[in-house]
């Protein structure tokens, strides 16, 4: 958490050119993982990425949107319109502070307002290079892992004292992830777990997944910035 403890003067002297805004979620993660699971993961990845990129790192936005988790006590979120305004406001404050390269770093799969917000602000501010990148994209997310092997392993690595492995359950719903658009998570998974191998989680796997995510997201950020710096939103080459 060293990035939070720097003074304004110290950040001014460092003069970072990139700002990173990590986005998590405060939601149920089955009977064995804490509500803060997404935030713990994205904070760890964002810190390493900021260190590698020399970036200004904001605190994780812990409550965002997680409509699909209605029905389990503790899952808290804003409505899409409210969080969209919060996200817009934070990005515009960074812009006013002189940042022209900003990364919205995603740590939860259900924050669907992010992409249209990023697109809108890039059109609004012609000299802004605003991108969104997700550590989830570094994994095989085709068969979604929510409180299953990957997330269980990551929290066992980052915060083992918060994991209650004796309560872990294995459950893979007979439905595609896209069906969460049409109904509650708990229509498909009463225990709030999506993935058949939660009990296979280990800290060793979590360490490997974390390190792979850090390498992957840094590569993704560099590649996207390299692309957006070559063109503007009218499709004209940047001179």
C-alpha atoms as a PDB file:
ATOM      1  CA  UNK A   1       0.000   0.000   0.000  1.00  0.00           C
ATOM      2  CA  UNK A   2       3.057   2.270  -0.293  1.00  0.00           C
ATOM      3  CA  UNK A   3       1.461   4.170  -3.188  1.00  0.00           C
ATOM      4  CA  UNK A   4      -1.247   5.557  -0.866  1.00  0.00           C
ATOM      5  CA  UNK A   5       1.263   6.792   1.687  1.00  0.00           C
ATOM      6  CA  UNK A   6       3.199   9.110  -0.610  1.00  0.00           C
ATOM      7  CA  UNK A   7       2.612  12.834  -0.242  1.00  0.00           C
ATOM      8  CA  UNK A   8       1.273  15.042  -3.012  1.00  0.00           C
ATOM      9  CA  UNK A   9       4.716  16.610  -3.307  1.00  0.00           C
ATOM     10  CA  UNK A  10       6.375  13.210  -3.708  1.00  0.00           C
ATOM     11  CA  UNK A  11       4.009  12.308  -6.538  1.00  0.00           C
ATOM     12  CA  UNK A  12       4.656  15.696  -8.176  1.00  0.00           C
ATOM     13  CA  UNK A  13       8.399  15.041  -8.091  1.00  0.00           C
ATOM     14  CA  UNK A  14       7.972  11.552  -9.506  1.00  0.00           C
ATOM     15  CA  UNK A  15       5.747  12.991 -12.272  1.00  0.00           C
ATOM     16  CA  UNK A  16       4.275   9.675 -13.502  1.00  0.00           C
ATOM     17  CA  UNK A  17       2.804   9.748 -16.993  1.00  0.00           C
ATOM     18  CA  UNK A  18       0.322   6.895 -16.488  1.00  0.00           C
ATOM     19  CA  UNK A  19      -2.482   6.613 -13.916  1.00  0.00           C
ATOM     20  CA  UNK A  20      -4.076   3.280 -12.998  1.00  0.00           C
ATOM     21  CA  UNK A  21      -7.580   3.043 -11.554  1.00  0.00           C
ATOM     22  CA  UNK A  22      -8.277  -0.517 -10.289  1.00  0.00           C
ATOM     23  CA  UNK A  23     -11.913  -1.625 -10.264  1.00  0.00           C
ATOM     24  CA  UNK A  24     -13.057  -4.496  -8.064  1.00  0.00           C
ATOM     25  CA  UNK A  25     -16.330  -5.587  -6.486  1.00  0.00           C
ATOM     26  CA  UNK A  26     -17.750  -6.329  -3.043  1.00  0.00           C
ATOM     27  CA  UNK A  27     -19.785  -9.498  -3.452  1.00  0.00           C
ATOM     28  CA  UNK A  28     -20.363 -13.036  -2.262  1.00  0.00           C
ATOM     29  CA  UNK A  29     -17.810 -15.659  -3.229  1.00  0.00           C
ATOM     30  CA  UNK A  30     -19.389 -18.859  -2.051  1.00  0.00           C
ATOM     31  CA  UNK A  31     -19.253 -20.208   1.507  1.00  0.00           C
ATOM     32  CA  UNK A  32     -15.446 -20.204   1.730  1.00  0.00           C
ATOM     33  CA  UNK A  33     -14.074 -16.929   0.288  1.00  0.00           C
ATOM     34  CA  UNK A  34     -14.430 -13.355   1.616  1.00  0.00           C
ATOM     35  CA  UNK A  35     -16.636 -10.650   0.133  1.00  0.00           C
ATOM     36  CA  UNK A  36     -13.463  -8.710  -0.702  1.00  0.00           C
ATOM     37  CA  UNK A  37     -12.105 -11.458  -2.995  1.00  0.00           C
ATOM     38  CA  UNK A  38     -12.138  -9.444  -6.241  1.00  0.00           C
ATOM     39  CA  UNK A  39     -10.548  -6.438  -4.554  1.00  0.00           C
ATOM     40  CA  UNK A  40      -7.741  -8.463  -2.996  1.00  0.00           C
ATOM     41  CA  UNK A  41      -6.850  -9.894  -6.397  1.00  0.00           C
ATOM     42  CA  UNK A  42      -6.970  -6.702  -8.448  1.00  0.00           C
ATOM     43  CA  UNK A  43      -5.115  -4.687  -5.826  1.00  0.00           C
ATOM     44  CA  UNK A  44      -2.196  -7.139  -5.892  1.00  0.00           C
ATOM     45  CA  UNK A  45      -2.040  -7.150  -9.703  1.00  0.00           C
ATOM     46  CA  UNK A  46      -2.410  -3.365  -9.965  1.00  0.00           C
ATOM     47  CA  UNK A  47       0.402  -2.706  -7.493  1.00  0.00           C
ATOM     48  CA  UNK A  48       2.847  -4.826  -9.500  1.00  0.00           C
ATOM     49  CA  UNK A  49       1.729  -3.302 -12.796  1.00  0.00           C
ATOM     50  CA  UNK A  50       2.047   0.243 -11.432  1.00  0.00           C
ATOM     51  CA  UNK A  51       5.521  -0.527 -10.148  1.00  0.00           C
ATOM     52  CA  UNK A  52       6.610  -1.887 -13.523  1.00  0.00           C
ATOM     53  CA  UNK A  53       5.086   1.025 -15.477  1.00  0.00           C
ATOM     54  CA  UNK A  54       6.068   3.778 -13.039  1.00  0.00           C
ATOM     55  CA  UNK A  55       2.380   4.675 -12.764  1.00  0.00           C
ATOM     56  CA  UNK A  56       0.293   6.654 -10.283  1.00  0.00           C
ATOM     57  CA  UNK A  57      -1.958   4.091  -8.615  1.00  0.00           C
ATOM     58  CA  UNK A  58      -5.317   5.010  -7.130  1.00  0.00           C
ATOM     59  CA  UNK A  59      -6.992   2.956  -4.393  1.00  0.00           C
ATOM     60  CA  UNK A  60      -9.168   0.088  -5.581  1.00  0.00           C
ATOM     61  CA  UNK A  61     -12.818   1.002  -6.127  1.00  0.00           C
ATOM     62  CA  UNK A  62     -14.254  -1.693  -3.871  1.00  0.00           C
ATOM     63  CA  UNK A  63     -17.970  -1.269  -4.543  1.00  0.00           C
ATOM     64  CA  UNK A  64     -18.982  -1.142  -8.187  1.00  0.00           C
ATOM     65  CA  UNK A  65     -21.722  -3.192  -9.906  1.00  0.00           C
ATOM     66  CA  UNK A  66     -22.699  -6.817  -9.270  1.00  0.00           C
ATOM     67  CA  UNK A  67     -26.428  -7.125  -9.999  1.00  0.00           C
ATOM     68  CA  UNK A  68     -26.122 -10.863 -10.565  1.00  0.00           C
ATOM     69  CA  UNK A  69     -25.292 -11.466  -6.901  1.00  0.00           C
ATOM     70  CA  UNK A  70     -28.561 -10.151  -5.446  1.00  0.00           C
ATOM     71  CA  UNK A  71     -29.835 -12.658  -2.928  1.00  0.00           C
ATOM     72  CA  UNK A  72     -26.769 -13.178  -0.717  1.00  0.00           C
ATOM     73  CA  UNK A  73     -26.273 -10.859   2.224  1.00  0.00           C
ATOM     74  CA  UNK A  74     -23.204  -8.631   1.926  1.00  0.00           C
ATOM     75  CA  UNK A  75     -23.104  -8.232  -1.859  1.00  0.00           C
ATOM     76  CA  UNK A  76     -23.162  -4.445  -2.267  1.00  0.00           C
ATOM     77  CA  UNK A  77     -23.102  -2.332  -5.397  1.00  0.00           C
ATOM     78  CA  UNK A  78     -24.151   0.852  -7.146  1.00  0.00           C
ATOM     79  CA  UNK A  79     -26.587   1.013 -10.022  1.00  0.00           C
ATOM     80  CA  UNK A  80     -24.983   1.219 -13.460  1.00  0.00           C
ATOM     81  CA  UNK A  81     -25.845   4.888 -13.906  1.00  0.00           C
ATOM     82  CA  UNK A  82     -24.430   5.853 -10.510  1.00  0.00           C
ATOM     83  CA  UNK A  83     -21.201   3.923 -10.926  1.00  0.00           C
ATOM     84  CA  UNK A  84     -20.843   5.228 -14.461  1.00  0.00           C
ATOM     85  CA  UNK A  85     -20.912   8.766 -13.057  1.00  0.00           C
ATOM     86  CA  UNK A  86     -18.407   7.860 -10.327  1.00  0.00           C
ATOM     87  CA  UNK A  87     -16.057   6.328 -12.894  1.00  0.00           C
ATOM     88  CA  UNK A  88     -16.444   9.329 -15.210  1.00  0.00           C
ATOM     89  CA  UNK A  89     -15.773  11.743 -12.362  1.00  0.00           C
ATOM     90  CA  UNK A  90     -12.602   9.984 -11.255  1.00  0.00           C
ATOM     91  CA  UNK A  91     -11.232   9.841 -14.793  1.00  0.00           C
ATOM     92  CA  UNK A  92     -12.016  13.509 -15.389  1.00  0.00           C
ATOM     93  CA  UNK A  93     -10.230  14.435 -12.144  1.00  0.00           C
ATOM     94  CA  UNK A  94      -7.167  12.522 -13.349  1.00  0.00           C
ATOM     95  CA  UNK A  95      -7.399  14.367 -16.660  1.00  0.00           C
ATOM     96  CA  UNK A  96      -7.526  17.696 -14.811  1.00  0.00           C
ATOM     97  CA  UNK A  97      -4.382  16.639 -12.931  1.00  0.00           C
ATOM     98  CA  UNK A  98      -2.602  16.355 -16.272  1.00  0.00           C
ATOM     99  CA  UNK A  99      -2.809  12.620 -16.935  1.00  0.00           C
ATOM    100  CA  UNK A 100      -3.310  11.775 -20.596  1.00  0.00           C
ATOM    101  CA  UNK A 101      -2.672   8.024 -20.294  1.00  0.00           C
ATOM    102  CA  UNK A 102      -5.106   6.325 -17.931  1.00  0.00           C
ATOM    103  CA  UNK A 103      -5.768   2.623 -17.339  1.00  0.00           C
ATOM    104  CA  UNK A 104      -9.061   1.395 -15.924  1.00  0.00           C
ATOM    105  CA  UNK A 105      -7.968  -1.991 -14.585  1.00  0.00           C
ATOM    106  CA  UNK A 106     -10.839  -4.460 -14.251  1.00  0.00           C
ATOM    107  CA  UNK A 107     -10.969  -7.094 -11.518  1.00  0.00           C
ATOM    108  CA  UNK A 108     -14.596  -8.244 -11.807  1.00  0.00           C
ATOM    109  CA  UNK A 109     -16.435  -9.650 -14.799  1.00  0.00           C
ATOM    110  CA  UNK A 110     -19.770  -7.893 -14.214  1.00  0.00           C
ATOM    111  CA  UNK A 111     -18.828  -4.213 -14.623  1.00  0.00           C
ATOM    112  CA  UNK A 112     -20.448  -3.704 -18.010  1.00  0.00           C
ATOM    113  CA  UNK A 113     -20.644   0.099 -17.780  1.00  0.00           C
ATOM    114  CA  UNK A 114     -16.860   0.390 -18.080  1.00  0.00           C
ATOM    115  CA  UNK A 115     -16.435  -0.056 -21.818  1.00  0.00           C
ATOM    116  CA  UNK A 116     -19.044   2.526 -22.939  1.00  0.00           C
ATOM    117  CA  UNK A 117     -17.677   4.978 -20.352  1.00  0.00           C
ATOM    118  CA  UNK A 118     -14.136   4.574 -21.693  1.00  0.00           C
ATOM    119  CA  UNK A 119     -15.344   4.941 -25.263  1.00  0.00           C
ATOM    120  CA  UNK A 120     -17.353   8.090 -24.473  1.00  0.00           C
ATOM    121  CA  UNK A 121     -14.498   9.832 -22.656  1.00  0.00           C
ATOM    122  CA  UNK A 122     -12.003   9.043 -25.418  1.00  0.00           C
ATOM    123  CA  UNK A 123     -14.305  10.768 -27.886  1.00  0.00           C
ATOM    124  CA  UNK A 124     -14.920  13.687 -25.520  1.00  0.00           C
ATOM    125  CA  UNK A 125     -11.246  14.392 -24.751  1.00  0.00           C
ATOM    126  CA  UNK A 126      -9.293  14.209 -28.002  1.00  0.00           C
ATOM    127  CA  UNK A 127      -5.884  14.170 -26.327  1.00  0.00           C
ATOM    128  CA  UNK A 128      -6.808  11.452 -23.824  1.00  0.00           C
ATOM    129  CA  UNK A 129      -5.585   7.868 -24.152  1.00  0.00           C
ATOM    130  CA  UNK A 130      -7.962   6.030 -21.833  1.00  0.00           C
ATOM    131  CA  UNK A 131      -7.917   2.244 -21.924  1.00  0.00           C
ATOM    132  CA  UNK A 132      -9.431  -0.605 -19.988  1.00  0.00           C
ATOM    133  CA  UNK A 133      -7.531  -3.799 -19.264  1.00  0.00           C
ATOM    134  CA  UNK A 134      -8.587  -6.879 -17.331  1.00  0.00           C
ATOM    135  CA  UNK A 135      -6.450  -9.436 -15.559  1.00  0.00           C
ATOM    136  CA  UNK A 136      -9.372 -11.806 -16.189  1.00  0.00           C
ATOM    137  CA  UNK A 137      -8.377 -11.725 -19.855  1.00  0.00           C
ATOM    138  CA  UNK A 138      -5.103 -13.375 -18.894  1.00  0.00           C
ATOM    139  CA  UNK A 139      -6.988 -16.529 -17.898  1.00  0.00           C
ATOM    140  CA  UNK A 140      -9.163 -18.975 -19.826  1.00  0.00           C
ATOM    141  CA  UNK A 141     -12.428 -17.310 -18.823  1.00  0.00           C
ATOM    142  CA  UNK A 142     -14.583 -19.267 -21.269  1.00  0.00           C
ATOM    143  CA  UNK A 143     -15.841 -21.501 -18.464  1.00  0.00           C
ATOM    144  CA  UNK A 144     -15.942 -18.781 -15.793  1.00  0.00           C
ATOM    145  CA  UNK A 145     -14.357 -19.198 -12.382  1.00  0.00           C
ATOM    146  CA  UNK A 146     -16.249 -17.609  -9.518  1.00  0.00           C
ATOM    147  CA  UNK A 147     -15.062 -18.847  -6.129  1.00  0.00           C
ATOM    148  CA  UNK A 148     -13.704 -21.933  -7.879  1.00  0.00           C
ATOM    149  CA  UNK A 149     -10.167 -23.222  -8.426  1.00  0.00           C
ATOM    150  CA  UNK A 150      -8.538 -20.042  -9.747  1.00  0.00           C
ATOM    151  CA  UNK A 151      -9.997 -17.559  -7.275  1.00  0.00           C
ATOM    152  CA  UNK A 152      -9.612 -19.955  -4.367  1.00  0.00           C
ATOM    153  CA  UNK A 153      -5.957 -20.441  -5.287  1.00  0.00           C
ATOM    154  CA  UNK A 154      -5.335 -16.705  -5.601  1.00  0.00           C
ATOM    155  CA  UNK A 155      -6.805 -15.915  -2.179  1.00  0.00           C
ATOM    156  CA  UNK A 156      -4.939 -18.842  -0.643  1.00  0.00           C
ATOM    157  CA  UNK A 157      -1.800 -17.149  -1.952  1.00  0.00           C
ATOM    158  CA  UNK A 158      -2.646 -13.518  -1.085  1.00  0.00           C
ATOM    159  CA  UNK A 159      -4.641 -13.953   2.133  1.00  0.00           C
ATOM    160  CA  UNK A 160      -4.789 -17.597   3.301  1.00  0.00           C
ATOM    161  CA  UNK A 161      -6.151 -16.587   6.690  1.00  0.00           C
ATOM    162  CA  UNK A 162      -9.393 -15.479   4.970  1.00  0.00           C
ATOM    163  CA  UNK A 163     -10.100 -18.813   3.237  1.00  0.00           C
ATOM    164  CA  UNK A 164     -12.306 -21.473   4.867  1.00  0.00           C
ATOM    165  CA  UNK A 165     -11.360 -24.455   2.733  1.00  0.00           C
ATOM    166  CA  UNK A 166     -13.423 -26.877   4.802  1.00  0.00           C
ATOM    167  CA  UNK A 167     -16.525 -25.090   3.439  1.00  0.00           C
ATOM    168  CA  UNK A 168     -15.465 -25.085  -0.222  1.00  0.00           C
ATOM    169  CA  UNK A 169     -17.854 -26.734  -2.678  1.00  0.00           C
ATOM    170  CA  UNK A 170     -17.432 -27.782  -6.309  1.00  0.00           C
ATOM    171  CA  UNK A 171     -20.277 -26.752  -8.573  1.00  0.00           C
ATOM    172  CA  UNK A 172     -20.465 -26.095 -12.313  1.00  0.00           C
ATOM    173  CA  UNK A 173     -23.914 -24.826 -13.397  1.00  0.00           C
ATOM    174  CA  UNK A 174     -25.569 -26.283 -16.446  1.00  0.00           C
ATOM    175  CA  UNK A 175     -25.780 -22.843 -18.092  1.00  0.00           C
ATOM    176  CA  UNK A 176     -23.459 -20.484 -19.986  1.00  0.00           C
ATOM    177  CA  UNK A 177     -22.159 -17.359 -18.268  1.00  0.00           C
ATOM    178  CA  UNK A 178     -24.202 -15.189 -20.659  1.00  0.00           C
ATOM    179  CA  UNK A 179     -27.394 -16.346 -18.910  1.00  0.00           C
ATOM    180  CA  UNK A 180     -26.492 -14.139 -15.946  1.00  0.00           C
ATOM    181  CA  UNK A 181     -27.884 -11.301 -18.072  1.00  0.00           C
ATOM    182  CA  UNK A 182     -31.332 -12.837 -17.638  1.00  0.00           C
ATOM    183  CA  UNK A 183     -31.407 -13.784 -13.985  1.00  0.00           C
ATOM    184  CA  UNK A 184     -29.736 -14.228 -10.636  1.00  0.00           C
ATOM    185  CA  UNK A 185     -26.505 -16.099 -10.091  1.00  0.00           C
ATOM    186  CA  UNK A 186     -28.377 -18.263  -7.591  1.00  0.00           C
ATOM    187  CA  UNK A 187     -30.860 -19.525 -10.157  1.00  0.00           C
ATOM    188  CA  UNK A 188     -27.914 -21.537 -11.449  1.00  0.00           C
ATOM    189  CA  UNK A 189     -25.756 -21.955  -8.332  1.00  0.00           C
ATOM    190  CA  UNK A 190     -27.449 -21.966  -4.894  1.00  0.00           C
ATOM    191  CA  UNK A 191     -24.084 -21.845  -3.080  1.00  0.00           C
ATOM    192  CA  UNK A 192     -22.699 -18.992  -5.162  1.00  0.00           C
ATOM    193  CA  UNK A 193     -19.870 -20.999  -6.747  1.00  0.00           C
ATOM    194  CA  UNK A 194     -19.342 -21.281 -10.513  1.00  0.00           C
ATOM    195  CA  UNK A 195     -16.653 -23.831 -11.291  1.00  0.00           C
ATOM    196  CA  UNK A 196     -16.184 -27.513 -10.613  1.00  0.00           C
ATOM    197  CA  UNK A 197     -12.813 -27.463  -8.839  1.00  0.00           C
ATOM    198  CA  UNK A 198     -12.887 -25.079  -5.855  1.00  0.00           C
ATOM    199  CA  UNK A 199     -11.488 -27.785  -3.573  1.00  0.00           C
ATOM    200  CA  UNK A 200      -8.470 -28.131  -5.899  1.00  0.00           C
ATOM    201  CA  UNK A 201      -7.237 -24.641  -5.077  1.00  0.00           C
ATOM    202  CA  UNK A 202      -3.724 -24.247  -3.651  1.00  0.00           C
ATOM    203  CA  UNK A 203      -1.480 -21.308  -2.773  1.00  0.00           C
ATOM    204  CA  UNK A 204       1.130 -22.611  -5.224  1.00  0.00           C
ATOM    205  CA  UNK A 205      -1.372 -22.403  -8.080  1.00  0.00           C
ATOM    206  CA  UNK A 206      -2.397 -18.954  -6.856  1.00  0.00           C
ATOM    207  CA  UNK A 207       1.184 -17.698  -6.984  1.00  0.00           C
ATOM    208  CA  UNK A 208       1.615 -18.951 -10.541  1.00  0.00           C
ATOM    209  CA  UNK A 209      -1.704 -17.436 -11.676  1.00  0.00           C
ATOM    210  CA  UNK A 210      -0.857 -14.121 -10.035  1.00  0.00           C
ATOM    211  CA  UNK A 211       2.559 -13.908 -11.673  1.00  0.00           C
ATOM    212  CA  UNK A 212       1.109 -14.835 -15.071  1.00  0.00           C
ATOM    213  CA  UNK A 213      -1.594 -12.184 -14.688  1.00  0.00           C
ATOM    214  CA  UNK A 214       0.946  -9.476 -13.868  1.00  0.00           C
ATOM    215  CA  UNK A 215       3.074 -10.291 -16.917  1.00  0.00           C
ATOM    216  CA  UNK A 216      -0.014 -10.546 -19.134  1.00  0.00           C
ATOM    217  CA  UNK A 217      -1.679  -7.312 -18.096  1.00  0.00           C
ATOM    218  CA  UNK A 218       1.522  -5.274 -18.389  1.00  0.00           C
ATOM    219  CA  UNK A 219       1.964  -6.638 -21.914  1.00  0.00           C
ATOM    220  CA  UNK A 220      -1.686  -5.841 -22.728  1.00  0.00           C
ATOM    221  CA  UNK A 221      -1.400  -2.261 -21.435  1.00  0.00           C
ATOM    222  CA  UNK A 222       1.764  -1.585 -23.433  1.00  0.00           C
ATOM    223  CA  UNK A 223       0.240  -3.043 -26.599  1.00  0.00           C
ATOM    224  CA  UNK A 224      -2.980  -1.025 -26.329  1.00  0.00           C
ATOM    225  CA  UNK A 225      -1.160   2.234 -25.646  1.00  0.00           C
ATOM    226  CA  UNK A 226       1.158   1.556 -28.598  1.00  0.00           C
ATOM    227  CA  UNK A 227      -1.929   1.138 -30.789  1.00  0.00           C
ATOM    228  CA  UNK A 228      -3.925   4.160 -29.607  1.00  0.00           C
ATOM    229  CA  UNK A 229      -0.922   6.451 -29.918  1.00  0.00           C
ATOM    230  CA  UNK A 230      -0.823   5.747 -33.672  1.00  0.00           C
ATOM    231  CA  UNK A 231      -4.308   6.981 -34.541  1.00  0.00           C
ATOM    232  CA  UNK A 232      -7.085   9.305 -33.429  1.00  0.00           C
ATOM    233  CA  UNK A 233     -10.781   8.568 -33.176  1.00  0.00           C
ATOM    234  CA  UNK A 234     -11.468   9.769 -36.712  1.00  0.00           C
ATOM    235  CA  UNK A 235      -9.054   7.122 -37.975  1.00  0.00           C
ATOM    236  CA  UNK A 236      -6.359   9.633 -38.900  1.00  0.00           C
ATOM    237  CA  UNK A 237      -2.707   8.786 -38.264  1.00  0.00           C
ATOM    238  CA  UNK A 238      -1.257  10.796 -35.400  1.00  0.00           C
ATOM    239  CA  UNK A 239       1.407  13.229 -36.634  1.00  0.00           C
END
